[in-house]
Amino acid sequence: MSDENVELRGLCPRDTVDVLDAVAMHRRLSRTDVVNAVLAEWAKDRIHEATLIVRITRANGSIGSDDGEGK
């Protein structure tokens, strides 16, 4: 993944932010460090999930061509 950083903003539920802050304090990290770790793991899982879907559907002949239509 890229080492380039971009700004990400948005509102979050208070309960979620409270947990992020507590984890950050416990780990002696910033809130941003915790959020980045959570999002990086989530992205890694989505990439793995997508890779498995493509492998399984192609192996089973579920994807017929590059246009995504089945056989």
C-alpha atoms as a PDB file:
ATOM      1  CA  MET A   1       0.000   0.000   0.000  1.00  0.00           C
ATOM      2  CA  SER A   2       1.015   3.592  -0.503  1.00  0.00           C
ATOM      3  CA  ASP A   3       2.969   5.573   2.084  1.00  0.00           C
ATOM      4  CA  GLU A   4       1.137   8.720   0.988  1.00  0.00           C
ATOM      5  CA  ASN A   5      -1.156  10.207   3.646  1.00  0.00           C
ATOM      6  CA  VAL A   6      -4.458  11.956   2.993  1.00  0.00           C
ATOM      7  CA  GLU A   7      -6.838  13.627   5.404  1.00  0.00           C
ATOM      8  CA  LEU A   8      -9.925  11.692   6.525  1.00  0.00           C
ATOM      9  CA  ARG A   9     -12.664  13.458   8.457  1.00  0.00           C
ATOM     10  CA  GLY A  10     -16.124  12.573   9.642  1.00  0.00           C
ATOM     11  CA  LEU A  11     -18.411  12.362  12.619  1.00  0.00           C
ATOM     12  CA  CYS A  12     -18.319   9.258  14.818  1.00  0.00           C
ATOM     13  CA  PRO A  13     -20.606   8.074  17.604  1.00  0.00           C
ATOM     14  CA  ARG A  14     -19.381   9.209  21.042  1.00  0.00           C
ATOM     15  CA  ASP A  15     -19.248   5.611  22.351  1.00  0.00           C
ATOM     16  CA  THR A  16     -16.919   4.614  19.513  1.00  0.00           C
ATOM     17  CA  VAL A  17     -14.595   7.560  20.123  1.00  0.00           C
ATOM     18  CA  ASP A  18     -14.548   6.823  23.867  1.00  0.00           C
ATOM     19  CA  VAL A  19     -13.324   3.296  23.140  1.00  0.00           C
ATOM     20  CA  LEU A  20     -10.723   4.582  20.672  1.00  0.00           C
ATOM     21  CA  ASP A  21      -9.466   7.068  23.254  1.00  0.00           C
ATOM     22  CA  ALA A  22      -9.296   4.443  25.997  1.00  0.00           C
ATOM     23  CA  VAL A  23      -7.349   2.058  23.755  1.00  0.00           C
ATOM     24  CA  ALA A  24      -5.058   4.880  22.665  1.00  0.00           C
ATOM     25  CA  MET A  25      -4.336   5.830  26.285  1.00  0.00           C
ATOM     26  CA  HIS A  26      -3.719   2.214  27.265  1.00  0.00           C
ATOM     27  CA  ARG A  27      -1.333   1.661  24.345  1.00  0.00           C
ATOM     28  CA  ARG A  28       0.246   5.114  24.694  1.00  0.00           C
ATOM     29  CA  LEU A  29      -0.670   5.963  21.115  1.00  0.00           C
ATOM     30  CA  SER A  30      -2.595   8.788  19.519  1.00  0.00           C
ATOM     31  CA  ARG A  31      -6.223   8.359  18.534  1.00  0.00           C
ATOM     32  CA  THR A  32      -5.114   8.692  14.909  1.00  0.00           C
ATOM     33  CA  ASP A  33      -2.593   5.861  15.323  1.00  0.00           C
ATOM     34  CA  VAL A  34      -5.340   3.579  16.662  1.00  0.00           C
ATOM     35  CA  VAL A  35      -7.768   4.522  13.874  1.00  0.00           C
ATOM     36  CA  ASN A  36      -5.053   3.953  11.250  1.00  0.00           C
ATOM     37  CA  ALA A  37      -4.267   0.508  12.699  1.00  0.00           C
ATOM     38  CA  VAL A  38      -7.961  -0.464  12.702  1.00  0.00           C
ATOM     39  CA  LEU A  39      -8.500   0.775   9.138  1.00  0.00           C
ATOM     40  CA  ALA A  40      -5.302  -0.874   7.860  1.00  0.00           C
ATOM     41  CA  GLU A  41      -6.399  -4.236   9.289  1.00  0.00           C
ATOM     42  CA  TRP A  42      -9.898  -3.773   7.829  1.00  0.00           C
ATOM     43  CA  ALA A  43      -8.444  -2.964   4.391  1.00  0.00           C
ATOM     44  CA  LYS A  44      -6.123  -5.985   4.573  1.00  0.00           C
ATOM     45  CA  ASP A  45      -9.098  -8.232   5.380  1.00  0.00           C
ATOM     46  CA  ARG A  46     -11.151  -6.806   2.461  1.00  0.00           C
ATOM     47  CA  ILE A  47      -8.262  -7.410   0.032  1.00  0.00           C
ATOM     48  CA  HIS A  48      -7.923 -10.984   1.275  1.00  0.00           C
ATOM     49  CA  GLU A  49     -11.691 -11.490   0.993  1.00  0.00           C
ATOM     50  CA  ALA A  50     -11.770 -10.158  -2.574  1.00  0.00           C
ATOM     51  CA  THR A  51      -8.801 -12.315  -3.570  1.00  0.00           C
ATOM     52  CA  LEU A  52     -10.526 -15.443  -2.271  1.00  0.00           C
ATOM     53  CA  ILE A  53     -13.776 -14.575  -4.053  1.00  0.00           C
ATOM     54  CA  VAL A  54     -11.955 -14.155  -7.369  1.00  0.00           C
ATOM     55  CA  ARG A  55      -9.947 -17.365  -6.924  1.00  0.00           C
ATOM     56  CA  ILE A  56     -12.942 -19.480  -5.960  1.00  0.00           C
ATOM     57  CA  THR A  57     -15.335 -18.123  -8.565  1.00  0.00           C
ATOM     58  CA  ARG A  58     -12.778 -18.485 -11.360  1.00  0.00           C
ATOM     59  CA  ALA A  59     -11.802 -21.992 -10.225  1.00  0.00           C
ATOM     60  CA  ASN A  60     -15.458 -23.028 -10.175  1.00  0.00           C
ATOM     61  CA  GLY A  61     -16.161 -21.444 -13.551  1.00  0.00           C
ATOM     62  CA  SER A  62     -18.540 -18.905 -12.031  1.00  0.00           C
ATOM     63  CA  ILE A  63     -17.004 -16.018 -13.949  1.00  0.00           C
ATOM     64  CA  GLY A  64     -17.227 -16.542 -17.689  1.00  0.00           C
ATOM     65  CA  SER A  65     -15.400 -13.525 -19.069  1.00  0.00           C
ATOM     66  CA  ASP A  66     -13.846 -10.194 -18.207  1.00  0.00           C
ATOM     67  CA  ASP A  67     -17.270  -8.539 -18.243  1.00  0.00           C
ATOM     68  CA  GLY A  68     -18.201 -10.444 -15.065  1.00  0.00           C
ATOM     69  CA  GLU A  69     -21.051 -12.427 -16.592  1.00  0.00           C
ATOM     70  CA  GLY A  70     -21.332 -16.080 -15.635  1.00  0.00           C
ATOM     71  CA  LYS A  71     -21.274 -18.964 -18.111  1.00  0.00           C
END
